[in-house]
């Protein structure tokens, strides 16, 4: 994961944590973090989807977002760093190689 992407995720998580159980919409998170609303939306949908709750206000068609109750900010960062380490190309290649060798050795036996 790129360093600027990590910095933006940290900004978003800290913004949601400061809201303290309050609901925010994408554009407000973008304003508070100094990010474009499309960037905020993309990062929330791709990286933070399991740590947030969403609620749609129907007459206005606005999606409200907050951190799930009991979410630990440090736990979120640990999870994301672990996932980043698992998704790096050298490790992924090693894992595929190991899995490929084990499946081919099973076929020989």
PDB file of N, CA and C in Angstrom:
ATOM      1  N   UNK A   1       0.840  -1.173   0.000  1.00  0.00           N
ATOM      2  CA  UNK A   1       0.000   0.000   0.000  1.00  0.00           C
ATOM      3  C   UNK A   1       0.887   1.239   0.000  1.00  0.00           C
ATOM      4  N   UNK A   2       0.493   2.220  -0.790  1.00  0.00           N
ATOM      5  CA  UNK A   2       1.290   3.434  -0.885  1.00  0.00           C
ATOM      6  C   UNK A   2       1.170   4.268   0.379  1.00  0.00           C
ATOM      7  N   UNK A   3       2.215   5.055   0.624  1.00  0.00           N
ATOM      8  CA  UNK A   3       2.270   5.841   1.851  1.00  0.00           C
ATOM      9  C   UNK A   3       1.155   6.888   1.899  1.00  0.00           C
ATOM     10  N   UNK A   4       0.820   7.513   0.768  1.00  0.00           N
ATOM     11  CA  UNK A   4      -0.236   8.520   0.767  1.00  0.00           C
ATOM     12  C   UNK A   4      -1.603   7.894   1.027  1.00  0.00           C
ATOM     13  N   UNK A   5      -1.793   6.668   0.580  1.00  0.00           N
ATOM     14  CA  UNK A   5      -3.046   5.959   0.834  1.00  0.00           C
ATOM     15  C   UNK A   5      -3.187   5.662   2.332  1.00  0.00           C
ATOM     16  N   UNK A   6      -2.101   5.248   2.958  1.00  0.00           N
ATOM     17  CA  UNK A   6      -2.105   4.973   4.394  1.00  0.00           C
ATOM     18  C   UNK A   6      -2.389   6.250   5.175  1.00  0.00           C
ATOM     19  N   UNK A   7      -1.756   7.355   4.766  1.00  0.00           N
ATOM     20  CA  UNK A   7      -1.982   8.638   5.430  1.00  0.00           C
ATOM     21  C   UNK A   7      -3.441   9.058   5.326  1.00  0.00           C
ATOM     22  N   UNK A   8      -4.048   8.873   4.161  1.00  0.00           N
ATOM     23  CA  UNK A   8      -5.450   9.233   3.977  1.00  0.00           C
ATOM     24  C   UNK A   8      -6.376   8.359   4.819  1.00  0.00           C
ATOM     25  N   UNK A   9      -6.077   7.074   4.921  1.00  0.00           N
ATOM     26  CA  UNK A   9      -6.884   6.180   5.754  1.00  0.00           C
ATOM     27  C   UNK A   9      -6.793   6.603   7.217  1.00  0.00           C
ATOM     28  N   UNK A  10      -5.599   6.966   7.666  1.00  0.00           N
ATOM     29  CA  UNK A  10      -5.426   7.419   9.049  1.00  0.00           C
ATOM     30  C   UNK A  10      -6.243   8.681   9.295  1.00  0.00           C
ATOM     31  N   UNK A  11      -6.233   9.606   8.342  1.00  0.00           N
ATOM     32  CA  UNK A  11      -7.031  10.829   8.480  1.00  0.00           C
ATOM     33  C   UNK A  11      -8.518  10.510   8.611  1.00  0.00           C
ATOM     34  N   UNK A  12      -9.003   9.616   7.772  1.00  0.00           N
ATOM     35  CA  UNK A  12     -10.427   9.269   7.786  1.00  0.00           C
ATOM     36  C   UNK A  12     -10.814   8.598   9.096  1.00  0.00           C
ATOM     37  N   UNK A  13     -10.013   7.633   9.545  1.00  0.00           N
ATOM     38  CA  UNK A  13     -10.329   6.924  10.796  1.00  0.00           C
ATOM     39  C   UNK A  13     -10.304   7.890  11.973  1.00  0.00           C
ATOM     40  N   UNK A  14      -9.312   8.770  12.022  1.00  0.00           N
ATOM     41  CA  UNK A  14      -9.260   9.743  13.120  1.00  0.00           C
ATOM     42  C   UNK A  14     -10.438  10.701  13.080  1.00  0.00           C
ATOM     43  N   UNK A  15     -10.871  11.095  11.900  1.00  0.00           N
ATOM     44  CA  UNK A  15     -12.036  11.967  11.758  1.00  0.00           C
ATOM     45  C   UNK A  15     -13.294  11.277  12.271  1.00  0.00           C
ATOM     46  N   UNK A  16     -13.470  10.013  11.900  1.00  0.00           N
ATOM     47  CA  UNK A  16     -14.637   9.268  12.371  1.00  0.00           C
ATOM     48  C   UNK A  16     -14.586   9.037  13.874  1.00  0.00           C
ATOM     49  N   UNK A  17     -13.396   8.838  14.410  1.00  0.00           N
ATOM     50  CA  UNK A  17     -13.244   8.645  15.848  1.00  0.00           C
ATOM     51  C   UNK A  17     -13.573   9.933  16.607  1.00  0.00           C
ATOM     52  N   UNK A  18     -13.175  11.084  16.061  1.00  0.00           N
ATOM     53  CA  UNK A  18     -13.463  12.360  16.718  1.00  0.00           C
ATOM     54  C   UNK A  18     -14.950  12.685  16.710  1.00  0.00           C
ATOM     55  N   UNK A  19     -15.687  12.123  15.765  1.00  0.00           N
ATOM     56  CA  UNK A  19     -17.128  12.374  15.698  1.00  0.00           C
ATOM     57  C   UNK A  19     -17.858  11.739  16.877  1.00  0.00           C
ATOM     58  N   UNK A  20     -17.245  10.784  17.551  1.00  0.00           N
ATOM     59  CA  UNK A  20     -17.780  10.128  18.745  1.00  0.00           C
ATOM     60  C   UNK A  20     -19.252   9.756  18.621  1.00  0.00           C
ATOM     61  N   UNK A  21     -19.509   8.657  17.965  1.00  0.00           N
ATOM     62  CA  UNK A  21     -20.849   8.103  17.808  1.00  0.00           C
ATOM     63  C   UNK A  21     -21.773   8.980  16.974  1.00  0.00           C
ATOM     64  N   UNK A  22     -21.236  10.033  16.362  1.00  0.00           N
ATOM     65  CA  UNK A  22     -22.058  10.866  15.491  1.00  0.00           C
ATOM     66  C   UNK A  22     -21.958  10.376  14.059  1.00  0.00           C
ATOM     67  N   UNK A  23     -22.996  10.607  13.292  1.00  0.00           N
ATOM     68  CA  UNK A  23     -23.027  10.201  11.902  1.00  0.00           C
ATOM     69  C   UNK A  23     -22.476  11.334  11.047  1.00  0.00           C
ATOM     70  N   UNK A  24     -21.626  11.015  10.088  1.00  0.00           N
ATOM     71  CA  UNK A  24     -21.084  11.983   9.143  1.00  0.00           C
ATOM     72  C   UNK A  24     -21.358  11.485   7.730  1.00  0.00           C
ATOM     73  N   UNK A  25     -21.461  12.394   6.791  1.00  0.00           N
ATOM     74  CA  UNK A  25     -21.596  12.000   5.403  1.00  0.00           C
ATOM     75  C   UNK A  25     -20.265  12.179   4.703  1.00  0.00           C
ATOM     76  N   UNK A  26     -20.145  11.585   3.529  1.00  0.00           N
ATOM     77  CA  UNK A  26     -18.873  11.506   2.807  1.00  0.00           C
ATOM     78  C   UNK A  26     -18.260  12.885   2.599  1.00  0.00           C
ATOM     79  N   UNK A  27     -19.036  13.826   2.154  1.00  0.00           N
ATOM     80  CA  UNK A  27     -18.499  15.157   1.872  1.00  0.00           C
ATOM     81  C   UNK A  27     -18.007  15.859   3.135  1.00  0.00           C
ATOM     82  N   UNK A  28     -18.673  15.644   4.250  1.00  0.00           N
ATOM     83  CA  UNK A  28     -18.226  16.255   5.512  1.00  0.00           C
ATOM     84  C   UNK A  28     -16.914  15.631   5.972  1.00  0.00           C
ATOM     85  N   UNK A  29     -16.775  14.325   5.809  1.00  0.00           N
ATOM     86  CA  UNK A  29     -15.505  13.673   6.147  1.00  0.00           C
ATOM     87  C   UNK A  29     -14.401  14.243   5.265  1.00  0.00           C
ATOM     88  N   UNK A  30     -14.698  14.429   3.978  1.00  0.00           N
ATOM     89  CA  UNK A  30     -13.729  15.013   3.059  1.00  0.00           C
ATOM     90  C   UNK A  30     -13.322  16.421   3.465  1.00  0.00           C
ATOM     91  N   UNK A  31     -14.289  17.229   3.890  1.00  0.00           N
ATOM     92  CA  UNK A  31     -13.976  18.593   4.330  1.00  0.00           C
ATOM     93  C   UNK A  31     -13.093  18.593   5.564  1.00  0.00           C
ATOM     94  N   UNK A  32     -13.442  17.755   6.518  1.00  0.00           N
ATOM     95  CA  UNK A  32     -12.672  17.710   7.771  1.00  0.00           C
ATOM     96  C   UNK A  32     -11.262  17.172   7.565  1.00  0.00           C
ATOM     97  N   UNK A  33     -11.098  16.264   6.616  1.00  0.00           N
ATOM     98  CA  UNK A  33      -9.783  15.654   6.371  1.00  0.00           C
ATOM     99  C   UNK A  33      -8.978  16.386   5.308  1.00  0.00           C
ATOM    100  N   UNK A  34      -9.623  17.246   4.553  1.00  0.00           N
ATOM    101  CA  UNK A  34      -8.934  17.917   3.456  1.00  0.00           C
ATOM    102  C   UNK A  34      -8.729  17.010   2.258  1.00  0.00           C
ATOM    103  N   UNK A  35      -9.661  16.094   2.039  1.00  0.00           N
ATOM    104  CA  UNK A  35      -9.574  15.140   0.933  1.00  0.00           C
ATOM    105  C   UNK A  35     -10.772  15.316  -0.001  1.00  0.00           C
ATOM    106  N   UNK A  36     -10.642  14.865  -1.226  1.00  0.00           N
ATOM    107  CA  UNK A  36     -11.748  14.884  -2.180  1.00  0.00           C
ATOM    108  C   UNK A  36     -12.772  13.832  -1.759  1.00  0.00           C
ATOM    109  N   UNK A  37     -14.045  14.126  -1.968  1.00  0.00           N
ATOM    110  CA  UNK A  37     -15.098  13.203  -1.521  1.00  0.00           C
ATOM    111  C   UNK A  37     -15.035  11.861  -2.242  1.00  0.00           C
ATOM    112  N   UNK A  38     -14.569  11.813  -3.470  1.00  0.00           N
ATOM    113  CA  UNK A  38     -14.435  10.534  -4.179  1.00  0.00           C
ATOM    114  C   UNK A  38     -13.320   9.674  -3.565  1.00  0.00           C
ATOM    115  N   UNK A  39     -12.249  10.331  -3.120  1.00  0.00           N
ATOM    116  CA  UNK A  39     -11.162   9.614  -2.445  1.00  0.00           C
ATOM    117  C   UNK A  39     -11.671   9.001  -1.154  1.00  0.00           C
ATOM    118  N   UNK A  40     -12.427   9.779  -0.393  1.00  0.00           N
ATOM    119  CA  UNK A  40     -12.989   9.286   0.872  1.00  0.00           C
ATOM    120  C   UNK A  40     -13.908   8.101   0.603  1.00  0.00           C
ATOM    121  N   UNK A  41     -14.776   8.225  -0.368  1.00  0.00           N
ATOM    122  CA  UNK A  41     -15.715   7.153  -0.695  1.00  0.00           C
ATOM    123  C   UNK A  41     -14.987   5.884  -1.120  1.00  0.00           C
ATOM    124  N   UNK A  42     -13.979   6.031  -1.975  1.00  0.00           N
ATOM    125  CA  UNK A  42     -13.222   4.871  -2.467  1.00  0.00           C
ATOM    126  C   UNK A  42     -12.499   4.152  -1.330  1.00  0.00           C
ATOM    127  N   UNK A  43     -11.839   4.918  -0.446  1.00  0.00           N
ATOM    128  CA  UNK A  43     -11.098   4.297   0.648  1.00  0.00           C
ATOM    129  C   UNK A  43     -12.029   3.640   1.659  1.00  0.00           C
ATOM    130  N   UNK A  44     -13.163   4.259   1.919  1.00  0.00           N
ATOM    131  CA  UNK A  44     -14.115   3.657   2.855  1.00  0.00           C
ATOM    132  C   UNK A  44     -14.659   2.355   2.285  1.00  0.00           C
ATOM    133  N   UNK A  45     -15.011   2.343   1.022  1.00  0.00           N
ATOM    134  CA  UNK A  45     -15.569   1.136   0.414  1.00  0.00           C
ATOM    135  C   UNK A  45     -14.539   0.030   0.233  1.00  0.00           C
ATOM    136  N   UNK A  46     -13.284   0.392  -0.038  1.00  0.00           N
ATOM    137  CA  UNK A  46     -12.288  -0.644  -0.303  1.00  0.00           C
ATOM    138  C   UNK A  46     -11.536  -1.112   0.937  1.00  0.00           C
ATOM    139  N   UNK A  47     -11.284  -0.227   1.891  1.00  0.00           N
ATOM    140  CA  UNK A  47     -10.427  -0.575   3.025  1.00  0.00           C
ATOM    141  C   UNK A  47     -11.152  -0.635   4.364  1.00  0.00           C
ATOM    142  N   UNK A  48     -12.136   0.215   4.567  1.00  0.00           N
ATOM    143  CA  UNK A  48     -12.727   0.360   5.901  1.00  0.00           C
ATOM    144  C   UNK A  48     -14.144  -0.178   6.015  1.00  0.00           C
ATOM    145  N   UNK A  49     -14.611  -0.906   5.026  1.00  0.00           N
ATOM    146  CA  UNK A  49     -16.013  -1.322   4.998  1.00  0.00           C
ATOM    147  C   UNK A  49     -16.406  -2.195   6.189  1.00  0.00           C
ATOM    148  N   UNK A  50     -15.488  -2.964   6.716  1.00  0.00           N
ATOM    149  CA  UNK A  50     -15.849  -3.844   7.828  1.00  0.00           C
ATOM    150  C   UNK A  50     -15.810  -3.138   9.191  1.00  0.00           C
ATOM    151  N   UNK A  51     -15.332  -1.908   9.231  1.00  0.00           N
ATOM    152  CA  UNK A  51     -15.221  -1.181  10.489  1.00  0.00           C
ATOM    153  C   UNK A  51     -16.254  -0.061  10.624  1.00  0.00           C
ATOM    154  N   UNK A  52     -17.117   0.110   9.631  1.00  0.00           N
ATOM    155  CA  UNK A  52     -18.064   1.218   9.670  1.00  0.00           C
ATOM    156  C   UNK A  52     -19.498   0.720   9.571  1.00  0.00           C
ATOM    157  N   UNK A  53     -20.415   1.558  10.016  1.00  0.00           N
ATOM    158  CA  UNK A  53     -21.843   1.347   9.828  1.00  0.00           C
ATOM    159  C   UNK A  53     -22.339   2.425   8.889  1.00  0.00           C
ATOM    160  N   UNK A  54     -23.262   2.064   8.026  1.00  0.00           N
ATOM    161  CA  UNK A  54     -23.827   3.055   7.121  1.00  0.00           C
ATOM    162  C   UNK A  54     -25.336   3.113   7.312  1.00  0.00           C
ATOM    163  N   UNK A  55     -25.860   4.289   7.068  1.00  0.00           N
ATOM    164  CA  UNK A  55     -27.297   4.503   7.174  1.00  0.00           C
ATOM    165  C   UNK A  55     -27.669   5.470   6.054  1.00  0.00           C
ATOM    166  N   UNK A  56     -28.716   5.146   5.324  1.00  0.00           N
ATOM    167  CA  UNK A  56     -29.123   5.991   4.203  1.00  0.00           C
ATOM    168  C   UNK A  56     -30.349   6.800   4.616  1.00  0.00           C
ATOM    169  N   UNK A  57     -30.248   8.119   4.454  1.00  0.00           N
ATOM    170  CA  UNK A  57     -31.384   8.998   4.689  1.00  0.00           C
ATOM    171  C   UNK A  57     -32.147   9.122   3.381  1.00  0.00           C
ATOM    172  N   UNK A  58     -33.339   8.584   3.355  1.00  0.00           N
ATOM    173  CA  UNK A  58     -34.064   8.405   2.106  1.00  0.00           C
ATOM    174  C   UNK A  58     -34.512   9.701   1.423  1.00  0.00           C
ATOM    175  N   UNK A  59     -35.113  10.650   2.087  1.00  0.00           N
ATOM    176  CA  UNK A  59     -35.574  11.807   1.298  1.00  0.00           C
ATOM    177  C   UNK A  59     -34.427  12.603   0.675  1.00  0.00           C
ATOM    178  N   UNK A  60     -33.256  12.549   1.285  1.00  0.00           N
ATOM    179  CA  UNK A  60     -32.122  13.307   0.780  1.00  0.00           C
ATOM    180  C   UNK A  60     -31.139  12.453  -0.011  1.00  0.00           C
ATOM    181  N   UNK A  61     -31.299  11.128   0.065  1.00  0.00           N
ATOM    182  CA  UNK A  61     -30.406  10.188  -0.610  1.00  0.00           C
ATOM    183  C   UNK A  61     -28.945  10.414  -0.203  1.00  0.00           C
ATOM    184  N   UNK A  62     -28.731  10.536   1.104  1.00  0.00           N
ATOM    185  CA  UNK A  62     -27.401  10.757   1.660  1.00  0.00           C
ATOM    186  C   UNK A  62     -27.015   9.537   2.489  1.00  0.00           C
ATOM    187  N   UNK A  63     -25.785   9.077   2.327  1.00  0.00           N
ATOM    188  CA  UNK A  63     -25.296   7.940   3.093  1.00  0.00           C
ATOM    189  C   UNK A  63     -24.508   8.456   4.293  1.00  0.00           C
ATOM    190  N   UNK A  64     -24.987   8.136   5.484  1.00  0.00           N
ATOM    191  CA  UNK A  64     -24.342   8.562   6.721  1.00  0.00           C
ATOM    192  C   UNK A  64     -23.443   7.434   7.212  1.00  0.00           C
ATOM    193  N   UNK A  65     -22.286   7.812   7.760  1.00  0.00           N
ATOM    194  CA  UNK A  65     -21.261   6.830   8.134  1.00  0.00           C
ATOM    195  C   UNK A  65     -20.763   7.120   9.542  1.00  0.00           C
ATOM    196  N   UNK A  66     -20.463   6.055  10.271  1.00  0.00           N
ATOM    197  CA  UNK A  66     -19.784   6.170  11.559  1.00  0.00           C
ATOM    198  C   UNK A  66     -19.008   4.881  11.823  1.00  0.00           C
ATOM    199  N   UNK A  67     -18.076   4.961  12.753  1.00  0.00           N
ATOM    200  CA  UNK A  67     -17.356   3.750  13.172  1.00  0.00           C
ATOM    201  C   UNK A  67     -18.299   2.864  13.963  1.00  0.00           C
ATOM    202  N   UNK A  68     -18.125   1.573  13.840  1.00  0.00           N
ATOM    203  CA  UNK A  68     -18.941   0.655  14.631  1.00  0.00           C
ATOM    204  C   UNK A  68     -18.630   0.870  16.100  1.00  0.00           C
ATOM    205  N   UNK A  69     -19.642   0.781  16.955  1.00  0.00           N
ATOM    206  CA  UNK A  69     -19.379   0.941  18.390  1.00  0.00           C
ATOM    207  C   UNK A  69     -18.398  -0.120  18.876  1.00  0.00           C
ATOM    208  N   UNK A  70     -17.460   0.316  19.678  1.00  0.00           N
ATOM    209  CA  UNK A  70     -16.456  -0.594  20.218  1.00  0.00           C
ATOM    210  C   UNK A  70     -15.261  -0.796  19.307  1.00  0.00           C
ATOM    211  N   UNK A  71     -15.211  -0.100  18.183  1.00  0.00           N
ATOM    212  CA  UNK A  71     -14.060  -0.236  17.278  1.00  0.00           C
ATOM    213  C   UNK A  71     -12.851   0.461  17.883  1.00  0.00           C
ATOM    214  N   UNK A  72     -11.748  -0.247  17.912  1.00  0.00           N
ATOM    215  CA  UNK A  72     -10.504   0.298  18.435  1.00  0.00           C
ATOM    216  C   UNK A  72      -9.671   0.795  17.264  1.00  0.00           C
ATOM    217  N   UNK A  73      -9.248   2.046  17.326  1.00  0.00           N
ATOM    218  CA  UNK A  73      -8.484   2.650  16.231  1.00  0.00           C
ATOM    219  C   UNK A  73      -7.182   1.891  16.006  1.00  0.00           C
ATOM    220  N   UNK A  74      -6.497   1.540  17.074  1.00  0.00           N
ATOM    221  CA  UNK A  74      -5.240   0.795  16.924  1.00  0.00           C
ATOM    222  C   UNK A  74      -5.477  -0.585  16.323  1.00  0.00           C
ATOM    223  N   UNK A  75      -6.599  -1.202  16.669  1.00  0.00           N
ATOM    224  CA  UNK A  75      -6.941  -2.493  16.090  1.00  0.00           C
ATOM    225  C   UNK A  75      -7.188  -2.402  14.593  1.00  0.00           C
ATOM    226  N   UNK A  76      -7.819  -1.310  14.167  1.00  0.00           N
ATOM    227  CA  UNK A  76      -8.055  -1.097  12.737  1.00  0.00           C
ATOM    228  C   UNK A  76      -6.725  -0.977  12.005  1.00  0.00           C
ATOM    229  N   UNK A  77      -5.808  -0.194  12.565  1.00  0.00           N
ATOM    230  CA  UNK A  77      -4.507  -0.001  11.924  1.00  0.00           C
ATOM    231  C   UNK A  77      -3.698  -1.293  11.902  1.00  0.00           C
ATOM    232  N   UNK A  78      -3.769  -2.082  12.975  1.00  0.00           N
ATOM    233  CA  UNK A  78      -3.063  -3.361  12.996  1.00  0.00           C
ATOM    234  C   UNK A  78      -3.605  -4.309  11.933  1.00  0.00           C
ATOM    235  N   UNK A  79      -4.929  -4.355  11.817  1.00  0.00           N
ATOM    236  CA  UNK A  79      -5.552  -5.221  10.815  1.00  0.00           C
ATOM    237  C   UNK A  79      -5.130  -4.811   9.409  1.00  0.00           C
ATOM    238  N   UNK A  80      -5.180  -3.506   9.120  1.00  0.00           N
ATOM    239  CA  UNK A  80      -4.814  -3.028   7.785  1.00  0.00           C
ATOM    240  C   UNK A  80      -3.341  -3.273   7.468  1.00  0.00           C
ATOM    241  N   UNK A  81      -2.472  -3.118   8.476  1.00  0.00           N
ATOM    242  CA  UNK A  81      -1.049  -3.374   8.221  1.00  0.00           C
ATOM    243  C   UNK A  81      -0.794  -4.864   7.990  1.00  0.00           C
ATOM    244  N   UNK A  82      -1.510  -5.724   8.704  1.00  0.00           N
ATOM    245  CA  UNK A  82      -1.382  -7.161   8.488  1.00  0.00           C
ATOM    246  C   UNK A  82      -1.866  -7.549   7.102  1.00  0.00           C
ATOM    247  N   UNK A  83      -3.005  -7.001   6.681  1.00  0.00           N
ATOM    248  CA  UNK A  83      -3.522  -7.293   5.355  1.00  0.00           C
ATOM    249  C   UNK A  83      -2.572  -6.780   4.272  1.00  0.00           C
ATOM    250  N   UNK A  84      -1.947  -5.643   4.526  1.00  0.00           N
ATOM    251  CA  UNK A  84      -0.992  -5.104   3.564  1.00  0.00           C
ATOM    252  C   UNK A  84       0.217  -6.023   3.432  1.00  0.00           C
ATOM    253  N   UNK A  85       0.688  -6.561   4.552  1.00  0.00           N
ATOM    254  CA  UNK A  85       1.830  -7.471   4.501  1.00  0.00           C
ATOM    255  C   UNK A  85       1.486  -8.756   3.762  1.00  0.00           C
ATOM    256  N   UNK A  86       0.259  -9.233   3.926  1.00  0.00           N
ATOM    257  CA  UNK A  86      -0.146 -10.452   3.237  1.00  0.00           C
ATOM    258  C   UNK A  86      -0.359 -10.237   1.744  1.00  0.00           C
ATOM    259  N   UNK A  87      -0.711  -9.027   1.356  1.00  0.00           N
ATOM    260  CA  UNK A  87      -1.023  -8.761  -0.044  1.00  0.00           C
ATOM    261  C   UNK A  87       0.160  -8.259  -0.855  1.00  0.00           C
ATOM    262  N   UNK A  88       1.339  -8.176  -0.270  1.00  0.00           N
ATOM    263  CA  UNK A  88       2.489  -7.725  -1.048  1.00  0.00           C
ATOM    264  C   UNK A  88       2.852  -8.787  -2.070  1.00  0.00           C
ATOM    265  N   UNK A  89       3.368  -8.386  -3.197  1.00  0.00           N
ATOM    266  CA  UNK A  89       3.627  -9.300  -4.307  1.00  0.00           C
ATOM    267  C   UNK A  89       4.654 -10.377  -3.983  1.00  0.00           C
ATOM    268  N   UNK A  90       5.794 -10.052  -3.336  1.00  0.00           N
ATOM    269  CA  UNK A  90       6.745 -11.137  -3.070  1.00  0.00           C
ATOM    270  C   UNK A  90       6.151 -12.222  -2.169  1.00  0.00           C
ATOM    271  N   UNK A  91       5.415 -11.817  -1.153  1.00  0.00           N
ATOM    272  CA  UNK A  91       4.826 -12.813  -0.267  1.00  0.00           C
ATOM    273  C   UNK A  91       3.725 -13.592  -0.972  1.00  0.00           C
ATOM    274  N   UNK A  92       2.941 -12.892  -1.768  1.00  0.00           N
ATOM    275  CA  UNK A  92       1.877 -13.576  -2.501  1.00  0.00           C
ATOM    276  C   UNK A  92       2.470 -14.601  -3.460  1.00  0.00           C
ATOM    277  N   UNK A  93       3.575 -14.238  -4.097  1.00  0.00           N
ATOM    278  CA  UNK A  93       4.232 -15.183  -5.009  1.00  0.00           C
ATOM    279  C   UNK A  93       4.758 -16.390  -4.235  1.00  0.00           C
ATOM    280  N   UNK A  94       5.337 -16.146  -3.048  1.00  0.00           N
ATOM    281  CA  UNK A  94       5.838 -17.257  -2.232  1.00  0.00           C
ATOM    282  C   UNK A  94       4.703 -18.165  -1.800  1.00  0.00           C
ATOM    283  N   UNK A  95       3.599 -17.583  -1.393  1.00  0.00           N
ATOM    284  CA  UNK A  95       2.454 -18.387  -0.946  1.00  0.00           C
ATOM    285  C   UNK A  95       1.911 -19.212  -2.105  1.00  0.00           C
ATOM    286  N   UNK A  96       1.775 -18.585  -3.276  1.00  0.00           N
ATOM    287  CA  UNK A  96       1.298 -19.329  -4.445  1.00  0.00           C
ATOM    288  C   UNK A  96       2.260 -20.457  -4.803  1.00  0.00           C
ATOM    289  N   UNK A  97       3.558 -20.185  -4.679  1.00  0.00           N
ATOM    290  CA  UNK A  97       4.563 -21.196  -4.993  1.00  0.00           C
ATOM    291  C   UNK A  97       4.450 -22.369  -4.020  1.00  0.00           C
ATOM    292  N   UNK A  98       4.294 -22.053  -2.746  1.00  0.00           N
ATOM    293  CA  UNK A  98       4.169 -23.104  -1.729  1.00  0.00           C
ATOM    294  C   UNK A  98       2.898 -23.909  -1.962  1.00  0.00           C
ATOM    295  N   UNK A  99       1.795 -23.209  -2.220  1.00  0.00           N
ATOM    296  CA  UNK A  99       0.538 -23.911  -2.460  1.00  0.00           C
ATOM    297  C   UNK A  99       0.602 -24.738  -3.737  1.00  0.00           C
ATOM    298  N   UNK A 100       1.267 -24.221  -4.742  1.00  0.00           N
ATOM    299  CA  UNK A 100       1.419 -24.958  -5.997  1.00  0.00           C
ATOM    300  C   UNK A 100       2.256 -26.207  -5.824  1.00  0.00           C
ATOM    301  N   UNK A 101       3.337 -26.115  -5.027  1.00  0.00           N
ATOM    302  CA  UNK A 101       4.201 -27.268  -4.786  1.00  0.00           C
ATOM    303  C   UNK A 101       3.483 -28.324  -3.963  1.00  0.00           C
ATOM    304  N   UNK A 102       2.700 -27.895  -2.958  1.00  0.00           N
ATOM    305  CA  UNK A 102       2.024 -28.872  -2.112  1.00  0.00           C
ATOM    306  C   UNK A 102       0.936 -29.589  -2.893  1.00  0.00           C
ATOM    307  N   UNK A 103       0.235 -28.879  -3.778  1.00  0.00           N
ATOM    308  CA  UNK A 103      -0.801 -29.543  -4.547  1.00  0.00           C
ATOM    309  C   UNK A 103      -0.210 -30.484  -5.596  1.00  0.00           C
ATOM    310  N   UNK A 104       0.962 -30.104  -6.166  1.00  0.00           N
ATOM    311  CA  UNK A 104       1.594 -30.981  -7.153  1.00  0.00           C
ATOM    312  C   UNK A 104       2.201 -32.199  -6.475  1.00  0.00           C
ATOM    313  N   UNK A 105       2.689 -32.071  -5.225  1.00  0.00           N
ATOM    314  CA  UNK A 105       3.238 -33.222  -4.516  1.00  0.00           C
ATOM    315  C   UNK A 105       2.131 -34.174  -4.122  1.00  0.00           C
ATOM    316  N   UNK A 106       0.927 -33.642  -3.851  1.00  0.00           N
ATOM    317  CA  UNK A 106      -0.188 -34.512  -3.517  1.00  0.00           C
ATOM    318  C   UNK A 106      -0.618 -35.315  -4.723  1.00  0.00           C
ATOM    319  N   UNK A 107      -0.523 -34.706  -5.899  1.00  0.00           N
ATOM    320  CA  UNK A 107      -0.923 -35.409  -7.124  1.00  0.00           C
ATOM    321  C   UNK A 107       0.031 -36.563  -7.443  1.00  0.00           C
ATOM    322  N   UNK A 108       1.337 -36.409  -7.107  1.00  0.00           N
ATOM    323  CA  UNK A 108       2.328 -37.438  -7.380  1.00  0.00           C
ATOM    324  C   UNK A 108       2.108 -38.659  -6.515  1.00  0.00           C
ATOM    325  N   UNK A 109       1.609 -38.427  -5.315  1.00  0.00           N
ATOM    326  CA  UNK A 109       1.447 -39.560  -4.378  1.00  0.00           C
ATOM    327  C   UNK A 109       0.230 -40.341  -4.625  1.00  0.00           C
TER     328      UNK A 109
END
